[in-house]
Amino acid sequence: MPSITTQRLLGWPSPGSPGSSQEAAFRDKYLVRMNAVPVVKTLWVHRAVRVHFNALCLFMQKNGEKLGEKVDDWGFANRDIRGFAGIKSYHAFALAGDLEALENVLGIRATTFPIKKTREVAKLLGMKWGYDYQGRPDPMHFEFTGSRARARWIKSRLVKPTKRSRRLAELCNMDVKDFCNRIK
């Protein structure tokens, strides 16, 4: 679980308290909407992981998910983890996204996502998938838990043809150059 101190050490700034001037500055400086799947209008993430979430959403779309048809895909939310008062969620740092939340419900180990492929994609993107949580599964939830430096390193391997981007393109049934251009 993230703490503000740990996140700062990993290079991620604090969003401040909900509604504060610090949160407003955080939003202005760091939040961007992912854009690989244009119909998803509610997934705001930290600019350092936008490409990662673009790749995740593109994979989901190419594998039959109907992202954006319902308002059940989202990212930034300056809040604590549900059930853990005082502990900020990765959503608060704009490092998490929930996809197809109405079909992939918190607390139930069932998902509409292809399990084996989704695990592989999450790993390639440096993310954890909530489906695999011990105790309380959260199959809608994806979070980037690494450092900002790690996010930059992974991004550098996603935006040009590399072993990593080739595998992701293959999982999306796309040409690697098209994949790389689409997620930028």
C-alpha atoms as a PDB file:
ATOM      1  CA  MET A   1       0.000   0.000   0.000  1.00  0.00           C
ATOM      2  CA  PRO A   2       1.384   3.402  -0.895  1.00  0.00           C
ATOM      3  CA  SER A   3       2.356   6.002   1.641  1.00  0.00           C
ATOM      4  CA  ILE A   4       3.056   9.600   0.730  1.00  0.00           C
ATOM      5  CA  THR A   5       6.617   9.194   2.036  1.00  0.00           C
ATOM      6  CA  THR A   6       7.244   6.077  -0.060  1.00  0.00           C
ATOM      7  CA  GLN A   7       5.742   7.664  -3.162  1.00  0.00           C
ATOM      8  CA  ARG A   8       7.963  10.750  -2.742  1.00  0.00           C
ATOM      9  CA  LEU A   9      11.019   8.509  -2.451  1.00  0.00           C
ATOM     10  CA  LEU A  10       9.942   6.850  -5.719  1.00  0.00           C
ATOM     11  CA  GLY A  11       9.719  10.292  -7.350  1.00  0.00           C
ATOM     12  CA  TRP A  12       5.937  10.764  -7.259  1.00  0.00           C
ATOM     13  CA  PRO A  13       4.620  14.069  -5.852  1.00  0.00           C
ATOM     14  CA  SER A  14       1.839  14.196  -3.282  1.00  0.00           C
ATOM     15  CA  PRO A  15      -1.583  15.274  -4.545  1.00  0.00           C
ATOM     16  CA  GLY A  16      -2.306  17.032  -1.237  1.00  0.00           C
ATOM     17  CA  SER A  17      -5.713  16.955   0.405  1.00  0.00           C
ATOM     18  CA  PRO A  18      -8.867  16.694  -1.703  1.00  0.00           C
ATOM     19  CA  GLY A  19      -9.977  20.165  -2.777  1.00  0.00           C
ATOM     20  CA  SER A  20      -6.747  21.861  -1.679  1.00  0.00           C
ATOM     21  CA  SER A  21      -4.634  24.277  -3.706  1.00  0.00           C
ATOM     22  CA  GLN A  22      -1.923  21.578  -3.705  1.00  0.00           C
ATOM     23  CA  GLU A  23      -4.355  19.186  -5.385  1.00  0.00           C
ATOM     24  CA  ALA A  24      -5.270  21.845  -7.977  1.00  0.00           C
ATOM     25  CA  ALA A  25      -1.583  22.388  -8.750  1.00  0.00           C
ATOM     26  CA  PHE A  26      -1.062  18.588  -8.964  1.00  0.00           C
ATOM     27  CA  ARG A  27      -3.946  18.299 -11.428  1.00  0.00           C
ATOM     28  CA  ASP A  28      -2.640  21.137 -13.587  1.00  0.00           C
ATOM     29  CA  LYS A  29       0.934  19.896 -13.674  1.00  0.00           C
ATOM     30  CA  TYR A  30       0.599  16.112 -13.856  1.00  0.00           C
ATOM     31  CA  LEU A  31      -2.813  14.902 -15.045  1.00  0.00           C
ATOM     32  CA  VAL A  32      -3.465  13.917 -18.661  1.00  0.00           C
ATOM     33  CA  ARG A  33      -6.234  11.919 -20.256  1.00  0.00           C
ATOM     34  CA  MET A  34      -5.113   8.742 -21.963  1.00  0.00           C
ATOM     35  CA  ASN A  35      -5.810   8.887 -25.680  1.00  0.00           C
ATOM     36  CA  ALA A  36      -5.144   5.551 -27.425  1.00  0.00           C
ATOM     37  CA  VAL A  37      -8.836   4.648 -27.170  1.00  0.00           C
ATOM     38  CA  PRO A  38     -10.593   7.996 -27.805  1.00  0.00           C
ATOM     39  CA  VAL A  39     -13.985   6.939 -26.429  1.00  0.00           C
ATOM     40  CA  VAL A  40     -12.539   6.587 -22.908  1.00  0.00           C
ATOM     41  CA  LYS A  41     -12.977  10.130 -21.624  1.00  0.00           C
ATOM     42  CA  THR A  42     -12.767   9.529 -17.879  1.00  0.00           C
ATOM     43  CA  LEU A  43      -9.336   7.909 -17.483  1.00  0.00           C
ATOM     44  CA  TRP A  44      -7.041  10.653 -16.200  1.00  0.00           C
ATOM     45  CA  VAL A  45      -3.560   9.473 -15.188  1.00  0.00           C
ATOM     46  CA  HIS A  46      -0.146  10.892 -14.329  1.00  0.00           C
ATOM     47  CA  ARG A  47       1.601  12.079 -17.486  1.00  0.00           C
ATOM     48  CA  ALA A  48       4.566   9.792 -16.711  1.00  0.00           C
ATOM     49  CA  VAL A  49       2.377   6.667 -17.100  1.00  0.00           C
ATOM     50  CA  ARG A  50       0.014   7.824 -19.884  1.00  0.00           C
ATOM     51  CA  VAL A  51       1.745   5.630 -22.490  1.00  0.00           C
ATOM     52  CA  HIS A  52       1.466   2.622 -20.153  1.00  0.00           C
ATOM     53  CA  PHE A  53      -2.287   3.109 -19.736  1.00  0.00           C
ATOM     54  CA  ASN A  54      -2.693   3.826 -23.452  1.00  0.00           C
ATOM     55  CA  ALA A  55      -1.103   0.439 -24.154  1.00  0.00           C
ATOM     56  CA  LEU A  56      -3.311  -1.289 -21.559  1.00  0.00           C
ATOM     57  CA  CYS A  57      -6.517   0.242 -22.957  1.00  0.00           C
ATOM     58  CA  LEU A  58      -5.500  -0.522 -26.528  1.00  0.00           C
ATOM     59  CA  PHE A  59      -4.910  -4.163 -25.536  1.00  0.00           C
ATOM     60  CA  MET A  60      -8.322  -4.292 -23.861  1.00  0.00           C
ATOM     61  CA  GLN A  61     -10.065  -2.797 -26.885  1.00  0.00           C
ATOM     62  CA  LYS A  62      -8.282  -5.107 -29.321  1.00  0.00           C
ATOM     63  CA  ASN A  63      -9.348  -8.058 -27.156  1.00  0.00           C
ATOM     64  CA  GLY A  64     -13.037  -7.231 -27.291  1.00  0.00           C
ATOM     65  CA  GLU A  65     -13.615  -4.935 -24.316  1.00  0.00           C
ATOM     66  CA  LYS A  66     -15.993  -2.082 -25.026  1.00  0.00           C
ATOM     67  CA  LEU A  67     -14.167   0.628 -23.108  1.00  0.00           C
ATOM     68  CA  GLY A  68     -15.963   3.928 -22.864  1.00  0.00           C
ATOM     69  CA  GLU A  69     -19.445   2.640 -23.699  1.00  0.00           C
ATOM     70  CA  LYS A  70     -20.407   3.045 -20.036  1.00  0.00           C
ATOM     71  CA  VAL A  71     -18.955   5.467 -17.514  1.00  0.00           C
ATOM     72  CA  ASP A  72     -17.094   2.719 -15.659  1.00  0.00           C
ATOM     73  CA  ASP A  73     -13.477   3.475 -16.598  1.00  0.00           C
ATOM     74  CA  TRP A  74     -11.567   5.975 -14.462  1.00  0.00           C
ATOM     75  CA  GLY A  75      -8.181   6.939 -13.063  1.00  0.00           C
ATOM     76  CA  PHE A  76      -7.309   9.860 -10.782  1.00  0.00           C
ATOM     77  CA  ALA A  77      -9.358  10.111  -7.592  1.00  0.00           C
ATOM     78  CA  ASN A  78      -7.744  11.789  -4.591  1.00  0.00           C
ATOM     79  CA  ARG A  79      -8.932   9.334  -1.964  1.00  0.00           C
ATOM     80  CA  ASP A  80      -7.865   6.682   0.507  1.00  0.00           C
ATOM     81  CA  ILE A  81      -7.976   2.961  -0.243  1.00  0.00           C
ATOM     82  CA  ARG A  82     -11.500   1.701   0.436  1.00  0.00           C
ATOM     83  CA  GLY A  83     -11.516   0.185   3.898  1.00  0.00           C
ATOM     84  CA  PHE A  84      -8.096   1.638   4.853  1.00  0.00           C
ATOM     85  CA  ALA A  85      -8.663   5.142   6.200  1.00  0.00           C
ATOM     86  CA  GLY A  86      -5.595   7.390   6.060  1.00  0.00           C
ATOM     87  CA  ILE A  87      -3.798   5.357   3.381  1.00  0.00           C
ATOM     88  CA  LYS A  88      -3.830   7.033  -0.025  1.00  0.00           C
ATOM     89  CA  SER A  89      -4.844   4.925  -2.994  1.00  0.00           C
ATOM     90  CA  TYR A  90      -2.660   4.721  -6.108  1.00  0.00           C
ATOM     91  CA  HIS A  91      -5.614   6.548  -7.700  1.00  0.00           C
ATOM     92  CA  ALA A  92      -4.675   9.572  -5.576  1.00  0.00           C
ATOM     93  CA  PHE A  93      -1.258   9.683  -7.241  1.00  0.00           C
ATOM     94  CA  ALA A  94      -2.873   9.155 -10.695  1.00  0.00           C
ATOM     95  CA  LEU A  95      -1.003   5.856 -11.019  1.00  0.00           C
ATOM     96  CA  ALA A  96      -4.082   3.604 -11.112  1.00  0.00           C
ATOM     97  CA  GLY A  97      -6.997   2.988 -13.413  1.00  0.00           C
ATOM     98  CA  ASP A  98     -10.184   0.970 -13.157  1.00  0.00           C
ATOM     99  CA  LEU A  99     -11.522  -0.545 -16.382  1.00  0.00           C
ATOM    100  CA  GLU A 100     -14.951  -2.019 -17.046  1.00  0.00           C
ATOM    101  CA  ALA A 101     -15.802  -1.651 -13.356  1.00  0.00           C
ATOM    102  CA  LEU A 102     -19.429  -2.713 -13.731  1.00  0.00           C
ATOM    103  CA  GLU A 103     -18.386  -6.097 -15.129  1.00  0.00           C
ATOM    104  CA  ASN A 104     -15.212  -6.596 -13.047  1.00  0.00           C
ATOM    105  CA  VAL A 105     -16.467  -6.028  -9.523  1.00  0.00           C
ATOM    106  CA  LEU A 106     -14.363  -5.374  -6.416  1.00  0.00           C
ATOM    107  CA  GLY A 107     -14.236  -8.406  -4.116  1.00  0.00           C
ATOM    108  CA  ILE A 108     -15.138 -11.018  -6.724  1.00  0.00           C
ATOM    109  CA  ARG A 109     -12.497 -13.183  -8.408  1.00  0.00           C
ATOM    110  CA  ALA A 110     -14.198 -13.097 -11.815  1.00  0.00           C
ATOM    111  CA  THR A 111     -13.307 -11.011 -14.846  1.00  0.00           C
ATOM    112  CA  THR A 112     -14.248 -10.330 -18.440  1.00  0.00           C
ATOM    113  CA  PHE A 113     -10.550  -9.871 -19.287  1.00  0.00           C
ATOM    114  CA  PRO A 114      -8.487 -12.747 -20.738  1.00  0.00           C
ATOM    115  CA  ILE A 115      -6.623 -13.719 -17.565  1.00  0.00           C
ATOM    116  CA  LYS A 116      -3.344 -15.097 -18.901  1.00  0.00           C
ATOM    117  CA  LYS A 117      -2.874 -12.346 -21.511  1.00  0.00           C
ATOM    118  CA  THR A 118      -3.920  -9.582 -19.110  1.00  0.00           C
ATOM    119  CA  ARG A 119      -1.371 -10.759 -16.524  1.00  0.00           C
ATOM    120  CA  GLU A 120       1.337 -10.712 -19.189  1.00  0.00           C
ATOM    121  CA  VAL A 121       0.355  -7.234 -20.410  1.00  0.00           C
ATOM    122  CA  ALA A 122       0.297  -5.831 -16.873  1.00  0.00           C
ATOM    123  CA  LYS A 123       3.750  -7.269 -16.215  1.00  0.00           C
ATOM    124  CA  LEU A 124       5.151  -5.859 -19.467  1.00  0.00           C
ATOM    125  CA  LEU A 125       3.774  -2.439 -18.495  1.00  0.00           C
ATOM    126  CA  GLY A 126       5.204  -2.582 -14.969  1.00  0.00           C
ATOM    127  CA  MET A 127       1.742  -2.767 -13.428  1.00  0.00           C
ATOM    128  CA  LYS A 128      -0.009  -4.859 -10.841  1.00  0.00           C
ATOM    129  CA  TRP A 129      -3.459  -6.198 -11.637  1.00  0.00           C
ATOM    130  CA  GLY A 130      -6.006  -6.204  -8.822  1.00  0.00           C
ATOM    131  CA  TYR A 131      -7.415  -9.552  -9.956  1.00  0.00           C
ATOM    132  CA  ASP A 132      -4.317 -11.147  -8.427  1.00  0.00           C
ATOM    133  CA  TYR A 133      -4.614  -9.454  -5.019  1.00  0.00           C
ATOM    134  CA  GLN A 134      -4.609 -11.827  -2.081  1.00  0.00           C
ATOM    135  CA  GLY A 135      -7.688 -11.498   0.098  1.00  0.00           C
ATOM    136  CA  ARG A 136      -9.880  -8.964  -1.702  1.00  0.00           C
ATOM    137  CA  PRO A 137      -9.557  -9.219  -5.510  1.00  0.00           C
ATOM    138  CA  ASP A 138     -10.128  -6.066  -7.560  1.00  0.00           C
ATOM    139  CA  PRO A 139     -10.260  -7.230 -11.204  1.00  0.00           C
ATOM    140  CA  MET A 140     -11.099  -3.771 -12.613  1.00  0.00           C
ATOM    141  CA  HIS A 141      -7.946  -2.257 -11.046  1.00  0.00           C
ATOM    142  CA  PHE A 142      -4.495  -1.722 -12.582  1.00  0.00           C
ATOM    143  CA  GLU A 143      -1.721   0.237 -10.849  1.00  0.00           C
ATOM    144  CA  PHE A 144       1.808   1.296 -11.624  1.00  0.00           C
ATOM    145  CA  THR A 145       3.807   0.732  -8.426  1.00  0.00           C
ATOM    146  CA  GLY A 146       7.345   1.461  -9.595  1.00  0.00           C
ATOM    147  CA  SER A 147       9.410   4.614  -9.481  1.00  0.00           C
ATOM    148  CA  ARG A 148       9.230   7.513 -11.921  1.00  0.00           C
ATOM    149  CA  ALA A 149      12.593   6.376 -13.278  1.00  0.00           C
ATOM    150  CA  ARG A 150      11.158   2.900 -13.893  1.00  0.00           C
ATOM    151  CA  ALA A 151       8.143   4.466 -15.647  1.00  0.00           C
ATOM    152  CA  ARG A 152      10.512   6.381 -17.976  1.00  0.00           C
ATOM    153  CA  TRP A 153      12.546   3.237 -18.687  1.00  0.00           C
ATOM    154  CA  ILE A 154       9.456   1.189 -19.581  1.00  0.00           C
ATOM    155  CA  LYS A 155       8.059   4.037 -21.687  1.00  0.00           C
ATOM    156  CA  SER A 156      11.319   4.160 -23.665  1.00  0.00           C
ATOM    157  CA  ARG A 157      10.742   0.506 -24.565  1.00  0.00           C
ATOM    158  CA  LEU A 158       7.107   1.023 -25.539  1.00  0.00           C
ATOM    159  CA  VAL A 159       7.316   3.938 -27.978  1.00  0.00           C
ATOM    160  CA  LYS A 160       9.752   2.288 -30.408  1.00  0.00           C
ATOM    161  CA  PRO A 161      10.143  -1.265 -31.713  1.00  0.00           C
ATOM    162  CA  THR A 162      11.740  -3.344 -28.944  1.00  0.00           C
ATOM    163  CA  LYS A 163      11.214  -6.855 -27.633  1.00  0.00           C
ATOM    164  CA  ARG A 164       8.677  -5.449 -25.134  1.00  0.00           C
ATOM    165  CA  SER A 165       6.679  -3.405 -27.657  1.00  0.00           C
ATOM    166  CA  ARG A 166       6.752  -6.251 -30.202  1.00  0.00           C
ATOM    167  CA  ARG A 167       5.194  -8.625 -27.680  1.00  0.00           C
ATOM    168  CA  LEU A 168       2.527  -6.087 -26.721  1.00  0.00           C
ATOM    169  CA  ALA A 169       1.766  -5.422 -30.393  1.00  0.00           C
ATOM    170  CA  GLU A 170       1.436  -9.165 -30.934  1.00  0.00           C
ATOM    171  CA  LEU A 171      -1.014  -9.407 -28.000  1.00  0.00           C
ATOM    172  CA  CYS A 172      -3.004  -6.593 -29.668  1.00  0.00           C
ATOM    173  CA  ASN A 173      -2.833  -8.263 -33.102  1.00  0.00           C
ATOM    174  CA  MET A 174      -1.115  -5.162 -34.493  1.00  0.00           C
ATOM    175  CA  ASP A 175       1.998  -4.225 -36.412  1.00  0.00           C
ATOM    176  CA  VAL A 176       4.635  -3.002 -33.935  1.00  0.00           C
ATOM    177  CA  LYS A 177       5.081   0.390 -35.643  1.00  0.00           C
ATOM    178  CA  ASP A 178       1.320   0.986 -35.620  1.00  0.00           C
ATOM    179  CA  PHE A 179       1.195  -0.046 -31.956  1.00  0.00           C
ATOM    180  CA  CYS A 180       4.040   2.287 -30.986  1.00  0.00           C
ATOM    181  CA  ASN A 181       2.513   5.221 -32.852  1.00  0.00           C
ATOM    182  CA  ARG A 182      -0.941   4.628 -31.392  1.00  0.00           C
ATOM    183  CA  ILE A 183       0.156   4.650 -27.745  1.00  0.00           C
ATOM    184  CA  LYS A 184       2.407   7.752 -27.905  1.00  0.00           C
END
